[in-house]
């Protein structure tokens, strides 16, 4: 198999990756509000979890050096099955089993054409806006502490 194909992200999976990434960063209030706003609650069967465990976090010195084990992080994951047969998966840092269970349900709902718009507008859109605002605020705070150094030339040096 071509190594470039293994590394290059599949364009068809990019929207699902985006949704899974946003669901992993959702707050309990965002997930609960979206769940409460669902017009019809789906019938959900747990397949796996929610269960909590550890994963090894790896890093690289300078972003390009040799990889090393940085430490372990607590992660919770869950898989659910809707009555329609659609499976939803979620995982997130931390130990909040309720959050991950709801995220898995919304992952399954996002996959279904009938409920994708609801999930996008009610949940994923606001999460994306919150994350962008947080990133913007962090960039502004960081820029406020920036120091520009310059060299002055004196005389004939």
C-alpha atoms as a PDB file:
ATOM      1  CA  UNK A   1       0.000   0.000   0.000  1.00  0.00           C
ATOM      2  CA  UNK A   2       1.183   3.504  -0.818  1.00  0.00           C
ATOM      3  CA  UNK A   3       2.481   5.199   2.390  1.00  0.00           C
ATOM      4  CA  UNK A   4       1.109   8.569   1.240  1.00  0.00           C
ATOM      5  CA  UNK A   5      -2.397   7.130   1.208  1.00  0.00           C
ATOM      6  CA  UNK A   6      -1.979   5.914   4.767  1.00  0.00           C
ATOM      7  CA  UNK A   7      -0.930   9.350   6.024  1.00  0.00           C
ATOM      8  CA  UNK A   8      -3.182  11.587   3.916  1.00  0.00           C
ATOM      9  CA  UNK A   9      -6.560  12.151   5.589  1.00  0.00           C
ATOM     10  CA  UNK A  10      -9.560  10.759   3.759  1.00  0.00           C
ATOM     11  CA  UNK A  11     -11.665  13.691   2.533  1.00  0.00           C
ATOM     12  CA  UNK A  12     -14.843  11.696   3.106  1.00  0.00           C
ATOM     13  CA  UNK A  13     -14.005  11.298   6.805  1.00  0.00           C
ATOM     14  CA  UNK A  14     -13.141  14.962   7.454  1.00  0.00           C
ATOM     15  CA  UNK A  15     -16.706  16.027   8.417  1.00  0.00           C
ATOM     16  CA  UNK A  16     -17.050  13.098  10.813  1.00  0.00           C
ATOM     17  CA  UNK A  17     -13.659  13.861  12.352  1.00  0.00           C
ATOM     18  CA  UNK A  18     -14.738  17.470  12.820  1.00  0.00           C
ATOM     19  CA  UNK A  19     -17.959  16.385  14.525  1.00  0.00           C
ATOM     20  CA  UNK A  20     -16.167  13.874  16.775  1.00  0.00           C
ATOM     21  CA  UNK A  21     -13.551  16.465  17.724  1.00  0.00           C
ATOM     22  CA  UNK A  22     -16.180  19.055  18.621  1.00  0.00           C
ATOM     23  CA  UNK A  23     -18.211  16.527  20.615  1.00  0.00           C
ATOM     24  CA  UNK A  24     -15.079  15.592  22.569  1.00  0.00           C
ATOM     25  CA  UNK A  25     -14.660  19.249  23.572  1.00  0.00           C
ATOM     26  CA  UNK A  26     -18.336  19.853  24.423  1.00  0.00           C
ATOM     27  CA  UNK A  27     -19.206  20.966  27.935  1.00  0.00           C
ATOM     28  CA  UNK A  28     -21.780  19.218  30.096  1.00  0.00           C
ATOM     29  CA  UNK A  29     -24.135  22.204  29.763  1.00  0.00           C
ATOM     30  CA  UNK A  30     -23.887  22.219  25.959  1.00  0.00           C
ATOM     31  CA  UNK A  31     -24.629  18.499  25.716  1.00  0.00           C
ATOM     32  CA  UNK A  32     -27.469  18.621  28.249  1.00  0.00           C
ATOM     33  CA  UNK A  33     -29.102  21.654  26.574  1.00  0.00           C
ATOM     34  CA  UNK A  34     -28.989  19.936  23.178  1.00  0.00           C
ATOM     35  CA  UNK A  35     -30.413  16.722  24.678  1.00  0.00           C
ATOM     36  CA  UNK A  36     -33.222  18.654  26.366  1.00  0.00           C
ATOM     37  CA  UNK A  37     -33.911  20.436  23.076  1.00  0.00           C
ATOM     38  CA  UNK A  38     -34.374  17.224  21.089  1.00  0.00           C
ATOM     39  CA  UNK A  39     -37.973  17.063  19.842  1.00  0.00           C
ATOM     40  CA  UNK A  40     -37.966  13.238  20.077  1.00  0.00           C
ATOM     41  CA  UNK A  41     -35.545  11.370  22.280  1.00  0.00           C
ATOM     42  CA  UNK A  42     -34.074   8.387  20.424  1.00  0.00           C
ATOM     43  CA  UNK A  43     -34.134   4.875  21.814  1.00  0.00           C
ATOM     44  CA  UNK A  44     -30.520   4.165  22.747  1.00  0.00           C
ATOM     45  CA  UNK A  45     -28.853   0.868  23.576  1.00  0.00           C
ATOM     46  CA  UNK A  46     -25.390   0.911  25.163  1.00  0.00           C
ATOM     47  CA  UNK A  47     -22.864  -1.232  23.294  1.00  0.00           C
ATOM     48  CA  UNK A  48     -19.681  -0.382  25.202  1.00  0.00           C
ATOM     49  CA  UNK A  49     -19.225   1.726  28.300  1.00  0.00           C
ATOM     50  CA  UNK A  50     -19.093   4.427  29.128  1.00  0.00           C
ATOM     51  CA  UNK A  51     -15.783   3.295  30.554  1.00  0.00           C
ATOM     52  CA  UNK A  52     -12.759   5.179  31.814  1.00  0.00           C
ATOM     53  CA  UNK A  53      -9.124   4.252  31.296  1.00  0.00           C
ATOM     54  CA  UNK A  54      -5.684   5.622  30.598  1.00  0.00           C
ATOM     55  CA  UNK A  55      -3.893   6.387  27.355  1.00  0.00           C
ATOM     56  CA  UNK A  56      -0.227   7.192  26.878  1.00  0.00           C
ATOM     57  CA  UNK A  57       0.430  10.738  25.702  1.00  0.00           C
ATOM     58  CA  UNK A  58       3.430  11.026  23.414  1.00  0.00           C
ATOM     59  CA  UNK A  59       5.394  14.127  22.540  1.00  0.00           C
ATOM     60  CA  UNK A  60       8.264  15.286  20.384  1.00  0.00           C
ATOM     61  CA  UNK A  61      10.966  17.736  21.349  1.00  0.00           C
ATOM     62  CA  UNK A  62      10.671  20.736  19.077  1.00  0.00           C
ATOM     63  CA  UNK A  63       7.784  19.148  17.230  1.00  0.00           C
ATOM     64  CA  UNK A  64      10.088  17.137  14.999  1.00  0.00           C
ATOM     65  CA  UNK A  65      12.434  15.234  17.301  1.00  0.00           C
ATOM     66  CA  UNK A  66      12.266  11.650  18.410  1.00  0.00           C
ATOM     67  CA  UNK A  67       8.980  10.724  20.103  1.00  0.00           C
ATOM     68  CA  UNK A  68       8.919  10.140  23.844  1.00  0.00           C
ATOM     69  CA  UNK A  69       6.291   9.113  26.387  1.00  0.00           C
ATOM     70  CA  UNK A  70       5.106  12.264  28.141  1.00  0.00           C
ATOM     71  CA  UNK A  71       2.722  10.579  30.566  1.00  0.00           C
ATOM     72  CA  UNK A  72      -0.756   9.143  30.880  1.00  0.00           C
ATOM     73  CA  UNK A  73      -4.113  10.862  30.463  1.00  0.00           C
ATOM     74  CA  UNK A  74      -7.518   9.751  31.697  1.00  0.00           C
ATOM     75  CA  UNK A  75      -9.977   9.145  28.858  1.00  0.00           C
ATOM     76  CA  UNK A  76     -13.597   8.023  28.859  1.00  0.00           C
ATOM     77  CA  UNK A  77     -15.193   6.310  25.850  1.00  0.00           C
ATOM     78  CA  UNK A  78     -18.610   4.998  24.914  1.00  0.00           C
ATOM     79  CA  UNK A  79     -20.408   3.342  22.020  1.00  0.00           C
ATOM     80  CA  UNK A  80     -24.180   3.369  21.611  1.00  0.00           C
ATOM     81  CA  UNK A  81     -26.621   1.963  19.098  1.00  0.00           C
ATOM     82  CA  UNK A  82     -29.787   3.801  18.081  1.00  0.00           C
ATOM     83  CA  UNK A  83     -32.982   1.879  17.346  1.00  0.00           C
ATOM     84  CA  UNK A  84     -32.382   2.705  13.659  1.00  0.00           C
ATOM     85  CA  UNK A  85     -29.149   0.688  13.788  1.00  0.00           C
ATOM     86  CA  UNK A  86     -26.760   3.658  13.657  1.00  0.00           C
ATOM     87  CA  UNK A  87     -23.765   3.321  15.971  1.00  0.00           C
ATOM     88  CA  UNK A  88     -22.313   6.350  17.715  1.00  0.00           C
ATOM     89  CA  UNK A  89     -18.859   6.526  19.257  1.00  0.00           C
ATOM     90  CA  UNK A  90     -17.299   9.124  21.525  1.00  0.00           C
ATOM     91  CA  UNK A  91     -14.239   9.618  23.646  1.00  0.00           C
ATOM     92  CA  UNK A  92     -13.042  12.566  25.684  1.00  0.00           C
ATOM     93  CA  UNK A  93     -10.408  13.481  28.204  1.00  0.00           C
ATOM     94  CA  UNK A  94     -11.563  13.136  31.800  1.00  0.00           C
ATOM     95  CA  UNK A  95     -13.987  10.932  33.649  1.00  0.00           C
ATOM     96  CA  UNK A  96     -17.420  12.339  32.784  1.00  0.00           C
ATOM     97  CA  UNK A  97     -19.351   9.254  31.707  1.00  0.00           C
ATOM     98  CA  UNK A  98     -22.597  11.186  31.170  1.00  0.00           C
ATOM     99  CA  UNK A  99     -20.903  13.629  28.800  1.00  0.00           C
ATOM    100  CA  UNK A 100     -19.317  10.890  26.736  1.00  0.00           C
ATOM    101  CA  UNK A 101     -22.561   8.893  26.589  1.00  0.00           C
ATOM    102  CA  UNK A 102     -24.426  11.960  25.306  1.00  0.00           C
ATOM    103  CA  UNK A 103     -21.611  12.719  22.851  1.00  0.00           C
ATOM    104  CA  UNK A 104     -21.905   9.164  21.480  1.00  0.00           C
ATOM    105  CA  UNK A 105     -25.654   9.616  21.062  1.00  0.00           C
ATOM    106  CA  UNK A 106     -25.128  12.900  19.216  1.00  0.00           C
ATOM    107  CA  UNK A 107     -22.466  11.256  17.038  1.00  0.00           C
ATOM    108  CA  UNK A 108     -25.052   8.674  15.979  1.00  0.00           C
ATOM    109  CA  UNK A 109     -27.689  11.372  15.428  1.00  0.00           C
ATOM    110  CA  UNK A 110     -25.210  13.395  13.352  1.00  0.00           C
ATOM    111  CA  UNK A 111     -24.778  10.405  11.030  1.00  0.00           C
ATOM    112  CA  UNK A 112     -28.506  10.257  10.282  1.00  0.00           C
ATOM    113  CA  UNK A 113     -29.790  12.632   7.618  1.00  0.00           C
ATOM    114  CA  UNK A 114     -32.997  13.418   9.540  1.00  0.00           C
ATOM    115  CA  UNK A 115     -31.203  14.745  12.622  1.00  0.00           C
ATOM    116  CA  UNK A 116     -27.861  15.993  11.247  1.00  0.00           C
ATOM    117  CA  UNK A 117     -29.081  19.597  10.851  1.00  0.00           C
ATOM    118  CA  UNK A 118     -30.344  19.645  14.438  1.00  0.00           C
ATOM    119  CA  UNK A 119     -26.997  18.433  15.764  1.00  0.00           C
ATOM    120  CA  UNK A 120     -25.062  20.887  13.567  1.00  0.00           C
ATOM    121  CA  UNK A 121     -27.096  23.978  14.452  1.00  0.00           C
ATOM    122  CA  UNK A 122     -27.982  23.236  18.073  1.00  0.00           C
ATOM    123  CA  UNK A 123     -24.747  21.663  19.263  1.00  0.00           C
ATOM    124  CA  UNK A 124     -21.763  21.678  16.921  1.00  0.00           C
ATOM    125  CA  UNK A 125     -22.149  25.280  15.698  1.00  0.00           C
ATOM    126  CA  UNK A 126     -22.191  26.778  19.204  1.00  0.00           C
ATOM    127  CA  UNK A 127     -19.282  24.559  20.312  1.00  0.00           C
ATOM    128  CA  UNK A 128     -17.246  25.688  17.314  1.00  0.00           C
ATOM    129  CA  UNK A 129     -18.064  29.342  18.071  1.00  0.00           C
ATOM    130  CA  UNK A 130     -17.099  28.932  21.743  1.00  0.00           C
ATOM    131  CA  UNK A 131     -13.785  27.292  20.859  1.00  0.00           C
ATOM    132  CA  UNK A 132     -13.002  30.030  18.311  1.00  0.00           C
ATOM    133  CA  UNK A 133     -13.781  32.716  20.914  1.00  0.00           C
ATOM    134  CA  UNK A 134     -11.563  30.985  23.490  1.00  0.00           C
ATOM    135  CA  UNK A 135      -8.735  30.709  20.952  1.00  0.00           C
ATOM    136  CA  UNK A 136      -9.144  34.373  20.008  1.00  0.00           C
ATOM    137  CA  UNK A 137      -9.045  35.452  23.666  1.00  0.00           C
ATOM    138  CA  UNK A 138      -5.958  33.355  24.329  1.00  0.00           C
ATOM    139  CA  UNK A 139      -4.226  34.845  21.267  1.00  0.00           C
ATOM    140  CA  UNK A 140      -5.075  38.378  22.441  1.00  0.00           C
ATOM    141  CA  UNK A 141      -3.774  37.666  25.948  1.00  0.00           C
ATOM    142  CA  UNK A 142      -0.596  36.200  24.518  1.00  0.00           C
ATOM    143  CA  UNK A 143      -0.111  39.118  22.109  1.00  0.00           C
ATOM    144  CA  UNK A 144      -0.413  41.566  25.019  1.00  0.00           C
ATOM    145  CA  UNK A 145       2.687  40.037  26.624  1.00  0.00           C
ATOM    146  CA  UNK A 146       4.751  39.935  23.439  1.00  0.00           C
ATOM    147  CA  UNK A 147       8.083  41.697  23.517  1.00  0.00           C
ATOM    148  CA  UNK A 148       9.757  42.776  20.282  1.00  0.00           C
ATOM    149  CA  UNK A 149      13.526  42.754  20.471  1.00  0.00           C
ATOM    150  CA  UNK A 150      15.631  44.685  18.026  1.00  0.00           C
ATOM    151  CA  UNK A 151      19.290  45.478  17.656  1.00  0.00           C
ATOM    152  CA  UNK A 152      20.517  49.030  17.589  1.00  0.00           C
ATOM    153  CA  UNK A 153      23.762  49.788  15.834  1.00  0.00           C
ATOM    154  CA  UNK A 154      25.939  52.337  17.563  1.00  0.00           C
ATOM    155  CA  UNK A 155      28.521  54.418  15.857  1.00  0.00           C
ATOM    156  CA  UNK A 156      30.657  52.855  13.182  1.00  0.00           C
ATOM    157  CA  UNK A 157      30.299  49.210  14.331  1.00  0.00           C
END
